[in-house]
Structure formats: structure tokens, C-alpha cells
Amino acid sequence: MERVSTSMLARIASMYYEEDMTQAHIARELGYSRSMISRYLKEAKRLGIVEICVHHPLARRSDLEKRLREGFSLRHVRVLERTLDGYRSTLSSVGALAAQLVGELTEDGMVIGMSWGTGLAEMVRACHPDFRKGLQIVQIIGAVGSSNPVIDGAELARELSRKFGGSYMTLPAPLLVESEAMCRALKRSRQVQAVFEQAARMDMALVGVGTVEQGHSSLVRSGYLTNAQLQEFTYSGAVGDVCALHFDIDGNLLDIPLQRRLVTIDAETLRRAPLRLGIAAGHTKAKPILGAMRAGLINALVTDETAASLVLQLADQ
């Protein structure tokens, strides 16, 4: 195959995919054979010049959405219908469903708080570039230092601001520090105070909902908490967390020494945000979602049928 430049491959791909020209028309226009144009289009895909994205319809359970919205006074609810796909595929679809909602809700001049986690990463990945004037994204939880940085709050804030054409502020602190005194000192520092002062102006918070279930805790998988530290929360009655603010099934926030070493937004500031959207899926997130709603840490939810059904069952017990 005759080698051509990547700019020529991009030109051929643009003519075919964007201008809807046939391969035969492109061949006549550029002086190549039709078979060469076909090969160049395949080469453009191989090199990543062309990316094919299939948007499957996202079926929803409107009955579960209605029960959750009315039962917990939620402002917005989206529940993905159960499929035969695995958890990773389900979470990706939940992220896409959340991206649709975030796109509808985001307006010019908003301040949006950003937590961290796989669900939020899937939401950010699924967001289509859509410029908003004067938008600011603020990281509201210390960096978890994950081995997978694309799910960390700082990276998510940067990427979402890029998608919407806004600015961003990152929180210059780790999530977990060595002592309560160090945590207090960090929160008093000028740089951290500036971030939390901006977070106090949030119009919307985008948060993950974490579990303390052994083998499923993102904070443990990220290496920030050990299993022994996780047990400190479970022994105290915790079922999950939002922004590393741990709570029990009834929505009571925990106040234990380990919690006081976490650099994150305080519950009162988070609750003042008019819209607090939680994104989570799967059976392990049912208790955390229920506790988060009862704690007032989220007032909007995007989840899947499995988690939604279990939340409603737990609430009826």
C-alpha cells in the first residue's frame, strides 16, 4: 500500500465520515483507486485518526425512578434498566446516563464540585464537549493517589473543565494525613482554604458513593486505607461514604479519629449545594446509597436497577 501522510488519511476520513462522500467519489477526487481509499480508511482507524463510537439506547426503569424520587424527595433520578452485561459495562452505561443528565443541568456561570471514583470517571468520559461560559470545576476531596490517576478528583476536574470549556481548581492536599493536627493545619492553609471557599459557592456537586464492604472499597483498592482502617469504620457502623464522609444506614455521620484525619469538604458545606448528584451502581452500593440519601449528602441519583431495587427493599424493612 502506498504510504500517505496522516494529514492525508485525516482528509480522506473527513470526506468519507463527515462529508458523506462515497469511496468511489473520493477516489476520483484524489486520484486513487477505490480499493486504496478503502485501505486508507482502515489505516486511519488503526492509527486512531478515526474513532467509531456506537451509542446504544439507555433503557430506564421509570417506575423505580418515581418510587425513589417520591420516597426520598430526590430532585432528579435516573435508573438504568438491568441487562445481561457485566458490572463494568453496566457502570459505563450508568456513567453515560449521568453524562446526559449533567449536560442537561449544567448552565453558564455554575460552580461544580467534583469528587472522585470510577462512576464519575465514566460520567466524565461520556460527556460530549459542550461549551459553557464562566463555568468552574472544583475538586472537593483530597487526592487519593490512586494507581489509576484518571479516577482521581484532580484529573476528573481537569477533564470535565476541558469538556465544558471552563476553569478548574484542584485541592492541593492528600486525602488521608498522619494526624488530626496535620489535617486541621492543612485545612487552615491559604491554598486549601481558597478551594473550600469556592466550594461553598457550589451550584452542583458530582459525587461517587463508596462502600465499606470488604473487597469492594475503592479507598482500599486505591491504597489509601488499609483493610484494618476500613474495619475501624465498619466497627463503628459505617455502610459507606460520600467524599470520604462516612455514615451509617440511617444517615448518621461518623465522628471517629480516623475520619478526622481525612482532608475533604465538610458535610454542612456539601449539603448547602442545591444539587448533589450521586453516581453509583451494583448491589454493593445499595446500603451506601440509602445512607447517603438519609444523610442528605445526595439529593439526586443515577444508578442501575439492581441497586435501586435493593435500596427500596432496605428502606421498607
C-alpha atoms as a PDB file:
ATOM      1  CA  MET A   1       0.000   0.000   0.000  1.00  0.00           C
ATOM      2  CA  GLU A   2       1.369   3.388  -0.984  1.00  0.00           C
ATOM      3  CA  ARG A   3       2.211   5.342   2.155  1.00  0.00           C
ATOM      4  CA  VAL A   4       0.481   8.671   2.681  1.00  0.00           C
ATOM      5  CA  SER A   5       0.746  11.261   5.434  1.00  0.00           C
ATOM      6  CA  THR A   6      -1.520  11.258   8.467  1.00  0.00           C
ATOM      7  CA  SER A   7      -2.946  14.576   7.281  1.00  0.00           C
ATOM      8  CA  MET A   8      -3.991  12.890   4.031  1.00  0.00           C
ATOM      9  CA  LEU A   9      -5.528   9.997   5.999  1.00  0.00           C
ATOM     10  CA  ALA A  10      -7.449  12.562   8.053  1.00  0.00           C
ATOM     11  CA  ARG A  11      -8.602  14.320   4.884  1.00  0.00           C
ATOM     12  CA  ILE A  12      -9.848  11.036   3.374  1.00  0.00           C
ATOM     13  CA  ALA A  13     -11.593  10.096   6.628  1.00  0.00           C
ATOM     14  CA  SER A  14     -13.250  13.527   6.832  1.00  0.00           C
ATOM     15  CA  MET A  15     -14.529  13.261   3.268  1.00  0.00           C
ATOM     16  CA  TYR A  16     -15.988   9.815   3.954  1.00  0.00           C
ATOM     17  CA  TYR A  17     -17.359  10.167   7.501  1.00  0.00           C
ATOM     18  CA  GLU A  18     -18.161  13.876   7.755  1.00  0.00           C
ATOM     19  CA  GLU A  19     -18.979  14.865   4.171  1.00  0.00           C
ATOM     20  CA  ASP A  20     -20.739  11.566   3.335  1.00  0.00           C
ATOM     21  CA  MET A  21     -18.802  11.122   0.100  1.00  0.00           C
ATOM     22  CA  THR A  22     -18.639   7.614  -1.352  1.00  0.00           C
ATOM     23  CA  GLN A  23     -15.296   5.831  -1.621  1.00  0.00           C
ATOM     24  CA  ALA A  24     -15.609   5.935  -5.406  1.00  0.00           C
ATOM     25  CA  HIS A  25     -16.178   9.725  -5.320  1.00  0.00           C
ATOM     26  CA  ILE A  26     -13.166  10.227  -3.029  1.00  0.00           C
ATOM     27  CA  ALA A  27     -11.031   8.053  -5.328  1.00  0.00           C
ATOM     28  CA  ARG A  28     -11.939  10.185  -8.364  1.00  0.00           C
ATOM     29  CA  GLU A  29     -11.390  13.408  -6.404  1.00  0.00           C
ATOM     30  CA  LEU A  30      -7.933  12.459  -5.129  1.00  0.00           C
ATOM     31  CA  GLY A  31      -6.666  10.271  -7.961  1.00  0.00           C
ATOM     32  CA  TYR A  32      -6.547   6.954  -6.076  1.00  0.00           C
ATOM     33  CA  SER A  33      -8.280   3.654  -6.757  1.00  0.00           C
ATOM     34  CA  ARG A  34     -11.388   2.795  -4.748  1.00  0.00           C
ATOM     35  CA  SER A  35      -9.601  -0.148  -3.133  1.00  0.00           C
ATOM     36  CA  MET A  36      -6.790   2.188  -1.962  1.00  0.00           C
ATOM     37  CA  ILE A  37      -9.345   4.526  -0.362  1.00  0.00           C
ATOM     38  CA  SER A  38     -10.828   1.552   1.481  1.00  0.00           C
ATOM     39  CA  ARG A  39      -7.372   0.572   2.768  1.00  0.00           C
ATOM     40  CA  TYR A  40      -6.607   4.162   3.820  1.00  0.00           C
ATOM     41  CA  LEU A  41      -9.854   4.330   5.828  1.00  0.00           C
ATOM     42  CA  LYS A  42      -8.885   1.126   7.637  1.00  0.00           C
ATOM     43  CA  GLU A  43      -5.423   2.576   8.293  1.00  0.00           C
ATOM     44  CA  ALA A  44      -6.980   5.775   9.680  1.00  0.00           C
ATOM     45  CA  LYS A  45      -8.956   3.669  12.184  1.00  0.00           C
ATOM     46  CA  ARG A  46      -5.864   1.619  13.098  1.00  0.00           C
ATOM     47  CA  LEU A  47      -3.873   4.771  13.852  1.00  0.00           C
ATOM     48  CA  GLY A  48      -6.677   6.297  15.916  1.00  0.00           C
ATOM     49  CA  ILE A  49      -7.309   9.107  13.439  1.00  0.00           C
ATOM     50  CA  VAL A  50     -10.860   7.796  13.238  1.00  0.00           C
ATOM     51  CA  GLU A  51     -12.686   6.531  16.320  1.00  0.00           C
ATOM     52  CA  ILE A  52     -16.008   4.748  15.973  1.00  0.00           C
ATOM     53  CA  CYS A  53     -18.420   5.169  18.881  1.00  0.00           C
ATOM     54  CA  VAL A  54     -21.749   3.357  18.917  1.00  0.00           C
ATOM     55  CA  HIS A  55     -24.333   4.999  21.186  1.00  0.00           C
ATOM     56  CA  HIS A  56     -26.642   2.256  22.356  1.00  0.00           C
ATOM     57  CA  PRO A  57     -30.031   3.358  23.722  1.00  0.00           C
ATOM     58  CA  LEU A  58     -30.071   3.542  27.506  1.00  0.00           C
ATOM     59  CA  ALA A  59     -33.287   1.929  28.686  1.00  0.00           C
ATOM     60  CA  ARG A  60     -34.587   3.202  32.029  1.00  0.00           C
ATOM     61  CA  ARG A  61     -36.883   1.970  34.796  1.00  0.00           C
ATOM     62  CA  SER A  62     -39.278   4.883  35.161  1.00  0.00           C
ATOM     63  CA  ASP A  63     -41.279   3.055  37.863  1.00  0.00           C
ATOM     64  CA  LEU A  64     -38.235   2.749  40.104  1.00  0.00           C
ATOM     65  CA  GLU A  65     -37.291   6.351  39.361  1.00  0.00           C
ATOM     66  CA  LYS A  66     -40.711   7.516  40.506  1.00  0.00           C
ATOM     67  CA  ARG A  67     -40.554   5.491  43.745  1.00  0.00           C
ATOM     68  CA  LEU A  68     -37.086   6.779  44.597  1.00  0.00           C
ATOM     69  CA  ARG A  69     -37.932  10.382  43.716  1.00  0.00           C
ATOM     70  CA  GLU A  70     -41.086  10.378  45.837  1.00  0.00           C
ATOM     71  CA  GLY A  71     -39.732   8.229  48.679  1.00  0.00           C
ATOM     72  CA  PHE A  72     -36.592  10.290  49.241  1.00  0.00           C
ATOM     73  CA  SER A  73     -37.563  13.715  47.857  1.00  0.00           C
ATOM     74  CA  LEU A  74     -34.887  13.495  45.174  1.00  0.00           C
ATOM     75  CA  ARG A  75     -34.679  16.269  42.614  1.00  0.00           C
ATOM     76  CA  HIS A  76     -33.549  14.020  39.759  1.00  0.00           C
ATOM     77  CA  VAL A  77     -33.362  10.233  39.366  1.00  0.00           C
ATOM     78  CA  ARG A  78     -32.145   8.041  36.523  1.00  0.00           C
ATOM     79  CA  VAL A  79     -32.257   4.226  36.842  1.00  0.00           C
ATOM     80  CA  LEU A  80     -30.650   2.093  34.145  1.00  0.00           C
ATOM     81  CA  GLU A  81     -32.653  -0.979  33.221  1.00  0.00           C
ATOM     82  CA  ARG A  82     -30.983  -4.292  34.113  1.00  0.00           C
ATOM     83  CA  THR A  83     -29.106  -6.024  31.292  1.00  0.00           C
ATOM     84  CA  LEU A  84     -27.096  -9.223  30.970  1.00  0.00           C
ATOM     85  CA  ASP A  85     -23.884  -7.198  30.752  1.00  0.00           C
ATOM     86  CA  GLY A  86     -21.243  -7.396  33.473  1.00  0.00           C
ATOM     87  CA  TYR A  87     -20.590  -4.789  36.150  1.00  0.00           C
ATOM     88  CA  ARG A  88     -18.010  -2.834  34.140  1.00  0.00           C
ATOM     89  CA  SER A  89     -20.357  -2.474  31.189  1.00  0.00           C
ATOM     90  CA  THR A  90     -23.239  -1.531  33.494  1.00  0.00           C
ATOM     91  CA  LEU A  91     -21.152   1.137  35.208  1.00  0.00           C
ATOM     92  CA  SER A  92     -20.144   2.530  31.827  1.00  0.00           C
ATOM     93  CA  SER A  93     -23.823   2.803  30.853  1.00  0.00           C
ATOM     94  CA  VAL A  94     -24.690   4.416  34.198  1.00  0.00           C
ATOM     95  CA  GLY A  95     -21.897   6.916  33.538  1.00  0.00           C
ATOM     96  CA  ALA A  96     -23.371   7.667  30.115  1.00  0.00           C
ATOM     97  CA  LEU A  97     -26.819   8.138  31.678  1.00  0.00           C
ATOM     98  CA  ALA A  98     -25.292  10.503  34.247  1.00  0.00           C
ATOM     99  CA  ALA A  99     -23.482  12.416  31.495  1.00  0.00           C
ATOM    100  CA  GLN A 100     -26.797  13.066  29.753  1.00  0.00           C
ATOM    101  CA  LEU A 101     -28.275  14.447  32.966  1.00  0.00           C
ATOM    102  CA  VAL A 102     -25.228  16.568  33.796  1.00  0.00           C
ATOM    103  CA  GLY A 103     -25.326  18.001  30.277  1.00  0.00           C
ATOM    104  CA  GLU A 104     -28.966  18.990  30.785  1.00  0.00           C
ATOM    105  CA  LEU A 105     -28.351  20.562  34.203  1.00  0.00           C
ATOM    106  CA  THR A 106     -25.101  22.440  33.600  1.00  0.00           C
ATOM    107  CA  GLU A 107     -25.529  26.151  32.906  1.00  0.00           C
ATOM    108  CA  ASP A 108     -23.286  29.148  32.305  1.00  0.00           C
ATOM    109  CA  GLY A 109     -21.530  30.513  35.371  1.00  0.00           C
ATOM    110  CA  MET A 110     -22.009  27.435  37.549  1.00  0.00           C
ATOM    111  CA  VAL A 111     -19.579  26.243  40.205  1.00  0.00           C
ATOM    112  CA  ILE A 112     -19.472  22.447  40.165  1.00  0.00           C
ATOM    113  CA  GLY A 113     -17.817  20.373  42.885  1.00  0.00           C
ATOM    114  CA  MET A 114     -16.075  17.158  41.855  1.00  0.00           C
ATOM    115  CA  SER A 115     -15.424  14.091  43.989  1.00  0.00           C
ATOM    116  CA  TRP A 116     -13.644  11.027  42.610  1.00  0.00           C
ATOM    117  CA  GLY A 117     -14.187   7.399  41.612  1.00  0.00           C
ATOM    118  CA  THR A 118     -14.899   5.049  38.742  1.00  0.00           C
ATOM    119  CA  GLY A 119     -18.540   6.066  38.331  1.00  0.00           C
ATOM    120  CA  LEU A 120     -17.595   9.732  37.992  1.00  0.00           C
ATOM    121  CA  ALA A 121     -14.775   8.832  35.617  1.00  0.00           C
ATOM    122  CA  GLU A 122     -17.279   7.011  33.387  1.00  0.00           C
ATOM    123  CA  MET A 123     -19.579  10.036  33.514  1.00  0.00           C
ATOM    124  CA  VAL A 124     -16.787  12.439  32.541  1.00  0.00           C
ATOM    125  CA  ARG A 125     -15.635  10.114  29.751  1.00  0.00           C
ATOM    126  CA  ALA A 126     -19.171  10.010  28.339  1.00  0.00           C
ATOM    127  CA  CYS A 127     -19.686  13.798  28.426  1.00  0.00           C
ATOM    128  CA  HIS A 128     -19.634  15.391  24.987  1.00  0.00           C
ATOM    129  CA  PRO A 129     -17.755  18.685  24.566  1.00  0.00           C
ATOM    130  CA  ASP A 130     -20.316  21.424  25.159  1.00  0.00           C
ATOM    131  CA  PHE A 131     -19.007  24.898  25.984  1.00  0.00           C
ATOM    132  CA  ARG A 132     -20.428  26.763  28.972  1.00  0.00           C
ATOM    133  CA  LYS A 133     -19.484  30.361  29.741  1.00  0.00           C
ATOM    134  CA  GLY A 134     -17.837  31.100  33.092  1.00  0.00           C
ATOM    135  CA  LEU A 135     -18.023  27.514  34.394  1.00  0.00           C
ATOM    136  CA  GLN A 136     -15.705  26.448  37.225  1.00  0.00           C
ATOM    137  CA  ILE A 137     -14.989  22.898  38.412  1.00  0.00           C
ATOM    138  CA  VAL A 138     -13.695  22.487  41.977  1.00  0.00           C
ATOM    139  CA  GLN A 139     -12.075  19.376  43.455  1.00  0.00           C
ATOM    140  CA  ILE A 140     -13.730  18.863  46.861  1.00  0.00           C
ATOM    141  CA  ILE A 141     -11.843  15.843  48.235  1.00  0.00           C
ATOM    142  CA  GLY A 142      -8.124  15.375  48.784  1.00  0.00           C
ATOM    143  CA  ALA A 143      -6.173  13.443  46.192  1.00  0.00           C
ATOM    144  CA  VAL A 144      -6.480   9.703  46.736  1.00  0.00           C
ATOM    145  CA  GLY A 145      -3.225   8.999  44.927  1.00  0.00           C
ATOM    146  CA  SER A 146      -4.780   6.096  43.073  1.00  0.00           C
ATOM    147  CA  SER A 147      -2.670   3.807  40.920  1.00  0.00           C
ATOM    148  CA  ASN A 148      -5.240   4.746  38.265  1.00  0.00           C
ATOM    149  CA  PRO A 149      -4.997   8.567  38.214  1.00  0.00           C
ATOM    150  CA  VAL A 150      -7.836   9.006  35.717  1.00  0.00           C
ATOM    151  CA  ILE A 151     -10.353   8.335  38.520  1.00  0.00           C
ATOM    152  CA  ASP A 152      -8.768  10.841  40.921  1.00  0.00           C
ATOM    153  CA  GLY A 153     -10.535  14.100  41.697  1.00  0.00           C
ATOM    154  CA  ALA A 154      -7.855  16.379  40.271  1.00  0.00           C
ATOM    155  CA  GLU A 155      -7.784  14.634  36.900  1.00  0.00           C
ATOM    156  CA  LEU A 156     -11.581  14.455  36.722  1.00  0.00           C
ATOM    157  CA  ALA A 157     -11.864  18.191  37.460  1.00  0.00           C
ATOM    158  CA  ARG A 158      -9.378  18.963  34.687  1.00  0.00           C
ATOM    159  CA  GLU A 159     -11.108  16.708  32.169  1.00  0.00           C
ATOM    160  CA  LEU A 160     -14.625  17.941  32.915  1.00  0.00           C
ATOM    161  CA  SER A 161     -13.489  21.555  32.662  1.00  0.00           C
ATOM    162  CA  ARG A 162     -11.941  20.712  29.285  1.00  0.00           C
ATOM    163  CA  LYS A 163     -15.213  19.159  28.073  1.00  0.00           C
ATOM    164  CA  PHE A 164     -17.216  22.248  29.087  1.00  0.00           C
ATOM    165  CA  GLY A 165     -14.599  24.871  28.312  1.00  0.00           C
ATOM    166  CA  GLY A 166     -14.402  26.069  31.916  1.00  0.00           C
ATOM    167  CA  SER A 167     -11.708  26.598  34.522  1.00  0.00           C
ATOM    168  CA  TYR A 168     -10.861  24.323  37.434  1.00  0.00           C
ATOM    169  CA  MET A 169      -9.378  24.354  40.925  1.00  0.00           C
ATOM    170  CA  THR A 170      -7.630  21.345  42.438  1.00  0.00           C
ATOM    171  CA  LEU A 171      -7.278  20.640  46.141  1.00  0.00           C
ATOM    172  CA  PRO A 172      -3.530  20.660  46.964  1.00  0.00           C
ATOM    173  CA  ALA A 173      -3.654  18.020  49.688  1.00  0.00           C
ATOM    174  CA  PRO A 174      -3.719  14.253  50.123  1.00  0.00           C
ATOM    175  CA  LEU A 175      -6.924  12.637  51.314  1.00  0.00           C
ATOM    176  CA  LEU A 176      -5.536  10.944  54.414  1.00  0.00           C
ATOM    177  CA  VAL A 177      -2.869  12.566  56.599  1.00  0.00           C
ATOM    178  CA  GLU A 178      -0.910  11.325  59.596  1.00  0.00           C
ATOM    179  CA  SER A 179      -2.748  13.098  62.380  1.00  0.00           C
ATOM    180  CA  GLU A 180      -5.787  15.190  63.259  1.00  0.00           C
ATOM    181  CA  ALA A 181      -3.495  18.139  63.964  1.00  0.00           C
ATOM    182  CA  MET A 182      -1.968  17.910  60.480  1.00  0.00           C
ATOM    183  CA  CYS A 183      -5.438  17.732  58.961  1.00  0.00           C
ATOM    184  CA  ARG A 184      -6.532  20.869  60.805  1.00  0.00           C
ATOM    185  CA  ALA A 185      -3.347  22.673  59.755  1.00  0.00           C
ATOM    186  CA  LEU A 186      -3.823  21.745  56.117  1.00  0.00           C
ATOM    187  CA  LYS A 187      -7.411  22.976  56.159  1.00  0.00           C
ATOM    188  CA  ARG A 188      -6.204  26.300  57.582  1.00  0.00           C
ATOM    189  CA  SER A 189      -3.578  26.744  54.845  1.00  0.00           C
ATOM    190  CA  ARG A 190      -4.240  29.524  52.370  1.00  0.00           C
ATOM    191  CA  GLN A 191      -4.301  27.252  49.313  1.00  0.00           C
ATOM    192  CA  VAL A 192      -6.735  24.728  50.771  1.00  0.00           C
ATOM    193  CA  GLN A 193      -8.948  27.428  52.268  1.00  0.00           C
ATOM    194  CA  ALA A 194      -9.233  29.075  48.846  1.00  0.00           C
ATOM    195  CA  VAL A 195     -10.555  25.835  47.346  1.00  0.00           C
ATOM    196  CA  PHE A 196     -13.073  25.229  50.124  1.00  0.00           C
ATOM    197  CA  GLU A 197     -14.239  28.860  49.972  1.00  0.00           C
ATOM    198  CA  GLN A 198     -15.009  28.365  46.290  1.00  0.00           C
ATOM    199  CA  ALA A 199     -16.663  25.018  47.062  1.00  0.00           C
ATOM    200  CA  ALA A 200     -19.008  26.869  49.416  1.00  0.00           C
ATOM    201  CA  ARG A 201     -20.431  28.527  46.276  1.00  0.00           C
ATOM    202  CA  MET A 202     -21.246  25.231  44.551  1.00  0.00           C
ATOM    203  CA  ASP A 203     -24.382  25.049  42.456  1.00  0.00           C
ATOM    204  CA  MET A 204     -23.919  21.332  41.886  1.00  0.00           C
ATOM    205  CA  ALA A 205     -21.767  18.585  43.422  1.00  0.00           C
ATOM    206  CA  LEU A 206     -20.924  15.442  41.444  1.00  0.00           C
ATOM    207  CA  VAL A 207     -20.028  12.641  43.826  1.00  0.00           C
ATOM    208  CA  GLY A 208     -19.412   8.930  43.951  1.00  0.00           C
ATOM    209  CA  VAL A 209     -20.948   6.761  46.644  1.00  0.00           C
ATOM    210  CA  GLY A 210     -18.439   4.398  48.246  1.00  0.00           C
ATOM    211  CA  THR A 211     -18.925   1.162  50.143  1.00  0.00           C
ATOM    212  CA  VAL A 212     -17.060  -0.217  53.153  1.00  0.00           C
ATOM    213  CA  GLU A 213     -17.730  -3.802  52.128  1.00  0.00           C
ATOM    214  CA  GLN A 214     -14.549  -5.866  52.180  1.00  0.00           C
ATOM    215  CA  GLY A 215     -13.175  -6.422  48.703  1.00  0.00           C
ATOM    216  CA  HIS A 216     -15.228  -3.613  47.198  1.00  0.00           C
ATOM    217  CA  SER A 217     -13.936  -0.441  48.894  1.00  0.00           C
ATOM    218  CA  SER A 218     -12.397   1.968  46.402  1.00  0.00           C
ATOM    219  CA  LEU A 219     -10.447   3.649  49.192  1.00  0.00           C
ATOM    220  CA  VAL A 220      -8.761   0.323  49.972  1.00  0.00           C
ATOM    221  CA  ARG A 221      -8.194  -0.521  46.307  1.00  0.00           C
ATOM    222  CA  SER A 222      -6.596   2.892  45.803  1.00  0.00           C
ATOM    223  CA  GLY A 223      -4.170   2.122  48.613  1.00  0.00           C
ATOM    224  CA  TYR A 224      -5.296   4.988  50.819  1.00  0.00           C
ATOM    225  CA  LEU A 225      -6.933   2.895  53.504  1.00  0.00           C
ATOM    226  CA  THR A 226      -5.801  -0.492  54.754  1.00  0.00           C
ATOM    227  CA  ASN A 227      -8.297  -3.252  55.468  1.00  0.00           C
ATOM    228  CA  ALA A 228      -7.637  -2.662  59.180  1.00  0.00           C
ATOM    229  CA  GLN A 229      -8.513   1.027  58.816  1.00  0.00           C
ATOM    230  CA  LEU A 230     -11.606   0.111  56.836  1.00  0.00           C
ATOM    231  CA  GLN A 231     -12.672  -2.077  59.748  1.00  0.00           C
ATOM    232  CA  GLU A 232     -12.486   0.958  62.046  1.00  0.00           C
ATOM    233  CA  PHE A 233     -15.343   2.393  60.020  1.00  0.00           C
ATOM    234  CA  THR A 234     -17.331  -0.835  59.790  1.00  0.00           C
ATOM    235  CA  TYR A 235     -16.978  -1.494  63.533  1.00  0.00           C
ATOM    236  CA  SER A 236     -18.414   1.994  64.083  1.00  0.00           C
ATOM    237  CA  GLY A 237     -21.450   1.134  61.964  1.00  0.00           C
ATOM    238  CA  ALA A 238     -20.479   2.711  58.646  1.00  0.00           C
ATOM    239  CA  VAL A 239     -22.072   1.401  55.462  1.00  0.00           C
ATOM    240  CA  GLY A 240     -20.494   3.842  53.013  1.00  0.00           C
ATOM    241  CA  ASP A 241     -19.155   7.289  52.245  1.00  0.00           C
ATOM    242  CA  VAL A 242     -19.604  10.322  50.044  1.00  0.00           C
ATOM    243  CA  CYS A 243     -16.471  12.446  49.658  1.00  0.00           C
ATOM    244  CA  ALA A 244     -14.942  10.181  52.359  1.00  0.00           C
ATOM    245  CA  LEU A 245     -17.629  11.373  54.805  1.00  0.00           C
ATOM    246  CA  HIS A 246     -18.678   8.071  56.356  1.00  0.00           C
ATOM    247  CA  PHE A 247     -22.211   7.357  57.594  1.00  0.00           C
ATOM    248  CA  ASP A 248     -24.374   4.534  58.873  1.00  0.00           C
ATOM    249  CA  ILE A 249     -27.510   3.093  57.266  1.00  0.00           C
ATOM    250  CA  ASP A 250     -29.673   5.709  58.996  1.00  0.00           C
ATOM    251  CA  GLY A 251     -27.617   8.584  57.625  1.00  0.00           C
ATOM    252  CA  ASN A 252     -25.743   9.423  60.828  1.00  0.00           C
ATOM    253  CA  LEU A 253     -22.251  10.763  60.140  1.00  0.00           C
ATOM    254  CA  LEU A 254     -19.400   9.081  61.982  1.00  0.00           C
ATOM    255  CA  ASP A 255     -17.018  11.058  64.152  1.00  0.00           C
ATOM    256  CA  ILE A 256     -14.093   8.748  64.881  1.00  0.00           C
ATOM    257  CA  PRO A 257     -10.355   9.576  64.991  1.00  0.00           C
ATOM    258  CA  LEU A 258      -9.657   8.181  61.517  1.00  0.00           C
ATOM    259  CA  GLN A 259     -12.441  10.293  59.990  1.00  0.00           C
ATOM    260  CA  ARG A 260     -10.844  13.411  61.465  1.00  0.00           C
ATOM    261  CA  ARG A 261      -7.642  12.712  59.504  1.00  0.00           C
ATOM    262  CA  LEU A 262      -9.357  12.971  56.102  1.00  0.00           C
ATOM    263  CA  VAL A 263      -8.966  16.183  54.092  1.00  0.00           C
ATOM    264  CA  THR A 264     -12.323  16.659  52.435  1.00  0.00           C
ATOM    265  CA  ILE A 265     -15.274  19.001  52.227  1.00  0.00           C
ATOM    266  CA  ASP A 266     -17.359  19.158  55.405  1.00  0.00           C
ATOM    267  CA  ALA A 267     -20.895  17.802  55.399  1.00  0.00           C
ATOM    268  CA  GLU A 268     -22.534  21.172  56.079  1.00  0.00           C
ATOM    269  CA  THR A 269     -20.873  22.782  53.042  1.00  0.00           C
ATOM    270  CA  LEU A 270     -21.774  19.841  50.837  1.00  0.00           C
ATOM    271  CA  ARG A 271     -25.409  19.914  51.956  1.00  0.00           C
ATOM    272  CA  ARG A 272     -25.667  23.613  51.062  1.00  0.00           C
ATOM    273  CA  ALA A 273     -25.116  22.810  47.382  1.00  0.00           C
ATOM    274  CA  PRO A 274     -28.571  23.000  45.761  1.00  0.00           C
ATOM    275  CA  LEU A 275     -27.920  19.860  43.705  1.00  0.00           C
ATOM    276  CA  ARG A 276     -25.872  16.915  44.952  1.00  0.00           C
ATOM    277  CA  LEU A 277     -25.766  14.162  42.340  1.00  0.00           C
ATOM    278  CA  GLY A 278     -24.617  10.697  43.397  1.00  0.00           C
ATOM    279  CA  ILE A 279     -23.447   8.191  40.775  1.00  0.00           C
ATOM    280  CA  ALA A 280     -23.177   4.526  41.773  1.00  0.00           C
ATOM    281  CA  ALA A 281     -24.261   1.069  40.625  1.00  0.00           C
ATOM    282  CA  GLY A 282     -24.382  -2.537  41.730  1.00  0.00           C
ATOM    283  CA  HIS A 283     -25.642  -4.471  44.728  1.00  0.00           C
ATOM    284  CA  THR A 284     -22.749  -3.389  46.975  1.00  0.00           C
ATOM    285  CA  LYS A 285     -23.859   0.247  46.638  1.00  0.00           C
ATOM    286  CA  ALA A 286     -27.448  -0.228  47.887  1.00  0.00           C
ATOM    287  CA  LYS A 287     -26.761   0.401  51.585  1.00  0.00           C
ATOM    288  CA  PRO A 288     -24.359   3.282  50.858  1.00  0.00           C
ATOM    289  CA  ILE A 289     -26.917   4.944  48.562  1.00  0.00           C
ATOM    290  CA  LEU A 290     -29.637   4.617  51.186  1.00  0.00           C
ATOM    291  CA  GLY A 291     -27.391   6.030  53.917  1.00  0.00           C
ATOM    292  CA  ALA A 292     -26.216   8.876  51.675  1.00  0.00           C
ATOM    293  CA  MET A 293     -29.786   9.923  50.871  1.00  0.00           C
ATOM    294  CA  ARG A 294     -30.798   9.768  54.525  1.00  0.00           C
ATOM    295  CA  ALA A 295     -27.715  11.817  55.466  1.00  0.00           C
ATOM    296  CA  GLY A 296     -28.670  14.490  52.945  1.00  0.00           C
ATOM    297  CA  LEU A 297     -25.323  14.159  51.187  1.00  0.00           C
ATOM    298  CA  ILE A 298     -27.063  13.471  47.879  1.00  0.00           C
ATOM    299  CA  ASN A 299     -30.430  14.712  46.627  1.00  0.00           C
ATOM    300  CA  ALA A 300     -30.191  13.346  43.088  1.00  0.00           C
ATOM    301  CA  LEU A 301     -29.161   9.902  41.883  1.00  0.00           C
ATOM    302  CA  VAL A 302     -28.062   7.978  38.808  1.00  0.00           C
ATOM    303  CA  THR A 303     -27.871   4.231  39.383  1.00  0.00           C
ATOM    304  CA  ASP A 304     -28.876   0.862  37.978  1.00  0.00           C
ATOM    305  CA  GLU A 305     -31.909  -1.356  38.511  1.00  0.00           C
ATOM    306  CA  THR A 306     -30.054  -3.753  40.824  1.00  0.00           C
ATOM    307  CA  ALA A 307     -29.031  -1.060  43.298  1.00  0.00           C
ATOM    308  CA  ALA A 308     -32.341   0.826  43.026  1.00  0.00           C
ATOM    309  CA  SER A 309     -34.429  -2.274  43.781  1.00  0.00           C
ATOM    310  CA  LEU A 310     -32.289  -3.181  46.784  1.00  0.00           C
ATOM    311  CA  VAL A 311     -32.436   0.396  48.137  1.00  0.00           C
ATOM    312  CA  LEU A 312     -36.230   0.295  48.081  1.00  0.00           C
ATOM    313  CA  GLN A 313     -36.275  -3.130  49.753  1.00  0.00           C
ATOM    314  CA  LEU A 314     -33.928  -1.928  52.508  1.00  0.00           C
ATOM    315  CA  ALA A 315     -35.978   1.214  53.057  1.00  0.00           C
ATOM    316  CA  ASP A 316     -39.118  -0.881  53.589  1.00  0.00           C
ATOM    317  CA  GLN A 317     -37.534  -3.047  56.288  1.00  0.00           C
END
